[in-house]
Amino acid sequence: MARPQRYLPLVCLMALPGLHASEVYVSGKLGVHGALVFPASPELRHTTDAPGLSLGLHGTWTFAGGHELRPRVDLAAFSCQSQTSYGSATPQSLDTWVRSLALGADYLYRLDDRWALGVGVQELRWSVTSTNRITPIPGSTVSVSGTAHWWRLGLGPVLTYRITRHAEAEVRYIVSHCGQENQLASTASTGLLWRF
């Protein structure tokens, strides 16, 4: 059964034509963005302790009164984390690679010509690929690999700074969950947006 929040970004996109026709609509632009993503929660840092890279597409719809709606798609990949255990009679290593696909939207309020503050809502598809290698006999290694996926809601604050007419810097913090045990998977990111 599909969860209702999975359709939240779709509802935002469907509302855009009606907002476009209203008198409060000012302009809309499309763009690309990239960011460094840092694992912020201890559970996610245990799985991947190095920053990842995020790339995506977005649209920015501006309305009268300093309000903005920014639907966006983000694809993030973190570096592979390796853990090795030599304590037991059978040496073992575990390699883990975390990725996420996020569909969502940001609501921003322009504080002035440069700064904007808001909140981001995303539906994230977390993917965790792991490879477990066991060496029962020296020189003989057995490996088992698999990938698991989870859809989870993400929510957090967004702060942007307009550098030029086309470029904008962004800092965001997203709180989400991941895994069978629904562990905390929060991320902090700093990025650059470019609008055409």
Protein backbone atom coordinates (compact mmCIF):
# COMPACT_ATOMS: atom_id res chain seq x y z
CA MET A 1 0.00 0.00 0.00
CA ALA A 2 1.45 3.40 -1.01
CA ARG A 3 2.06 5.90 1.76
CA PRO A 4 0.27 9.28 1.44
CA GLN A 5 3.40 11.43 1.86
CA ARG A 6 4.91 9.85 -1.25
CA TYR A 7 2.47 11.91 -3.28
CA LEU A 8 3.28 15.24 -1.58
CA PRO A 9 5.78 16.40 -4.24
CA LEU A 10 3.31 15.41 -6.96
CA VAL A 11 0.57 17.51 -5.33
CA CYS A 12 2.96 20.50 -5.25
CA LEU A 13 3.71 20.10 -8.94
CA MET A 14 0.01 19.79 -9.81
CA ALA A 15 -0.74 23.02 -7.93
CA LEU A 16 1.72 25.05 -10.00
CA PRO A 17 -0.56 25.65 -13.04
CA GLY A 18 -3.25 27.11 -10.78
CA LEU A 19 -0.71 29.33 -9.03
CA HIS A 20 0.70 30.41 -12.39
CA ALA A 21 -2.72 31.65 -13.47
CA SER A 22 -3.24 33.67 -10.31
CA GLU A 23 -2.39 37.36 -10.00
CA VAL A 24 0.21 36.75 -7.29
CA TYR A 25 2.52 34.82 -9.63
CA VAL A 26 5.64 36.74 -10.68
CA SER A 27 8.08 34.42 -12.50
CA GLY A 28 9.46 30.91 -12.83
CA LYS A 29 12.91 29.56 -13.73
CA LEU A 30 14.52 26.15 -14.13
CA GLY A 31 17.98 25.25 -12.90
CA VAL A 32 20.55 22.70 -11.79
CA HIS A 33 22.28 22.31 -8.44
CA GLY A 34 25.09 20.45 -6.75
CA ALA A 35 26.11 20.05 -3.12
CA LEU A 36 28.40 18.39 -0.63
CA VAL A 37 26.28 16.25 1.70
CA PHE A 38 27.51 15.40 5.19
CA PRO A 39 26.07 12.53 7.27
CA ALA A 40 24.79 14.25 10.43
CA SER A 41 23.24 11.50 12.56
CA PRO A 42 25.45 8.92 14.38
CA GLU A 43 23.64 6.01 12.70
CA LEU A 44 24.35 7.35 9.19
CA ARG A 45 27.96 8.26 10.09
CA HIS A 46 28.46 4.63 11.19
CA THR A 47 27.43 3.51 7.69
CA THR A 48 29.24 6.24 5.75
CA ASP A 49 31.51 8.68 7.56
CA ALA A 50 32.70 10.76 4.56
CA PRO A 51 30.83 13.54 2.72
CA GLY A 52 28.89 12.61 -0.39
CA LEU A 53 28.04 14.43 -3.59
CA SER A 54 24.53 15.47 -4.61
CA LEU A 55 23.34 16.62 -8.05
CA GLY A 56 19.86 17.62 -9.13
CA LEU A 57 17.33 19.70 -11.02
CA HIS A 58 14.92 22.30 -9.66
CA GLY A 59 12.37 24.90 -10.63
CA THR A 60 11.86 28.17 -8.78
CA TRP A 61 8.43 29.81 -8.86
CA THR A 62 8.34 33.30 -7.34
CA PHE A 63 5.18 34.91 -5.99
CA ALA A 64 4.33 38.38 -4.73
CA GLY A 65 5.22 39.12 -1.12
CA GLY A 66 8.59 37.33 -1.18
CA HIS A 67 7.25 33.75 -1.34
CA GLU A 68 8.96 31.06 -3.44
CA LEU A 69 8.16 27.43 -4.24
CA ARG A 70 11.02 25.24 -5.42
CA PRO A 71 10.20 21.67 -6.58
CA ARG A 72 13.41 19.65 -6.82
CA VAL A 73 14.96 16.27 -7.57
CA ASP A 74 18.21 15.29 -5.83
CA LEU A 75 20.46 12.28 -6.34
CA ALA A 76 23.13 11.79 -3.64
CA ALA A 77 25.91 9.22 -3.36
CA PHE A 78 28.19 8.74 -0.36
CA SER A 79 31.64 7.18 -0.42
CA CYS A 80 32.01 3.50 0.39
CA GLN A 81 32.60 2.67 4.06
CA SER A 82 34.75 -0.39 4.85
CA GLN A 83 34.81 -2.16 8.21
CA THR A 84 37.16 -5.05 8.99
CA SER A 85 37.09 -7.44 11.95
CA TYR A 86 40.20 -9.41 12.89
CA GLY A 87 39.15 -10.32 16.43
CA SER A 88 37.56 -13.67 15.62
CA ALA A 89 39.09 -16.79 14.14
CA THR A 90 37.44 -15.90 10.81
CA PRO A 91 38.50 -12.51 9.38
CA GLN A 92 35.55 -10.56 8.03
CA SER A 93 35.07 -7.27 6.15
CA LEU A 94 31.94 -5.29 5.29
CA ASP A 95 31.76 -2.66 2.53
CA THR A 96 28.70 -0.36 2.54
CA TRP A 97 27.62 2.16 -0.11
CA VAL A 98 24.72 4.55 0.59
CA ARG A 99 22.74 6.48 -2.05
CA SER A 100 19.51 8.47 -2.01
CA LEU A 101 16.99 9.79 -4.53
CA ALA A 102 14.88 12.67 -3.21
CA LEU A 103 11.69 14.11 -4.72
CA GLY A 104 10.37 17.16 -2.95
CA ALA A 105 9.82 20.88 -2.71
CA ASP A 106 11.13 23.83 -0.72
CA TYR A 107 9.02 26.73 0.50
CA LEU A 108 11.16 29.87 0.87
CA TYR A 109 10.43 33.35 2.17
CA ARG A 110 12.65 36.18 0.94
CA LEU A 111 14.02 38.15 3.90
CA ASP A 112 15.58 40.70 1.52
CA ASP A 113 17.15 40.81 -1.95
CA ARG A 114 19.82 38.29 -0.93
CA TRP A 115 18.64 36.01 1.89
CA ALA A 116 15.77 33.52 1.98
CA LEU A 117 14.70 31.16 4.76
CA GLY A 118 12.34 28.22 4.45
CA VAL A 119 11.60 24.54 4.89
CA GLY A 120 12.18 21.55 2.63
CA VAL A 121 9.98 18.46 2.36
CA GLN A 122 11.28 15.39 0.53
CA GLU A 123 10.35 11.81 -0.10
CA LEU A 124 13.65 9.92 -0.08
CA ARG A 125 14.43 6.53 -1.53
CA TRP A 126 17.43 5.29 0.43
CA SER A 127 19.54 2.55 -1.18
CA VAL A 128 22.17 0.65 0.80
CA THR A 129 24.45 -1.79 -1.01
CA SER A 130 26.61 -4.02 1.17
CA THR A 131 29.24 -6.66 0.45
CA ASN A 132 30.27 -9.02 3.26
CA ARG A 133 33.56 -10.90 2.77
CA ILE A 134 34.54 -13.80 5.03
CA THR A 135 37.86 -15.67 4.90
CA PRO A 136 37.24 -19.05 6.58
CA ILE A 137 40.52 -20.48 5.23
CA PRO A 138 43.56 -18.31 4.40
CA GLY A 139 43.55 -17.61 0.68
CA SER A 140 39.84 -18.50 0.29
CA THR A 141 37.29 -15.67 0.51
CA VAL A 142 33.51 -15.98 0.36
CA SER A 143 31.51 -12.81 -0.41
CA VAL A 144 27.79 -12.04 -0.25
CA SER A 145 26.33 -8.83 -1.73
CA GLY A 146 22.89 -7.25 -1.69
CA THR A 147 21.01 -3.96 -1.97
CA ALA A 148 18.08 -2.82 0.15
CA HIS A 149 15.76 0.13 -0.53
CA TRP A 150 13.45 2.18 1.74
CA TRP A 151 11.13 5.15 1.10
CA ARG A 152 11.14 7.67 3.96
CA LEU A 153 9.96 11.24 4.50
CA GLY A 154 12.55 14.00 5.00
CA LEU A 155 11.98 17.43 6.52
CA GLY A 156 14.23 20.33 7.51
CA PRO A 157 15.23 24.00 7.32
CA VAL A 158 16.76 25.67 4.24
CA LEU A 159 18.76 28.91 4.06
CA THR A 160 19.80 30.47 0.74
CA TYR A 161 21.93 33.43 -0.31
CA ARG A 162 21.60 34.98 -3.78
CA ILE A 163 25.08 35.58 -5.22
CA THR A 164 24.06 36.81 -8.68
CA ARG A 165 20.90 36.82 -10.77
CA HIS A 166 21.60 33.22 -11.79
CA ALA A 167 23.60 31.78 -8.86
CA GLU A 168 22.51 31.04 -5.32
CA ALA A 169 24.26 29.36 -2.37
CA GLU A 170 22.27 27.01 -0.15
CA VAL A 171 22.61 25.37 3.26
CA ARG A 172 20.08 22.72 4.30
CA TYR A 173 19.52 20.17 7.05
CA ILE A 174 17.20 17.22 6.41
CA VAL A 175 15.95 14.81 9.08
CA SER A 176 14.92 11.41 7.74
CA HIS A 177 15.03 7.71 8.67
CA CYS A 178 16.45 4.64 6.98
CA GLY A 179 16.58 0.86 7.30
CA GLN A 180 14.39 -1.90 8.68
CA GLU A 181 14.74 -0.47 12.20
CA ASN A 182 13.86 3.06 10.98
CA GLN A 183 17.12 4.53 12.23
CA LEU A 184 17.76 8.27 12.10
CA ALA A 185 19.42 9.33 8.81
CA SER A 186 19.94 13.09 8.96
CA THR A 187 22.12 15.02 6.51
CA ALA A 188 23.55 18.54 6.32
CA SER A 189 24.53 19.99 2.96
CA THR A 190 26.03 23.07 1.40
CA GLY A 191 25.55 23.67 -2.27
CA LEU A 192 25.28 25.95 -5.27
CA LEU A 193 22.20 26.46 -7.47
CA TRP A 194 22.34 27.78 -11.02
CA ARG A 195 19.19 29.05 -12.76
CA PHE A 196 18.92 29.58 -16.51
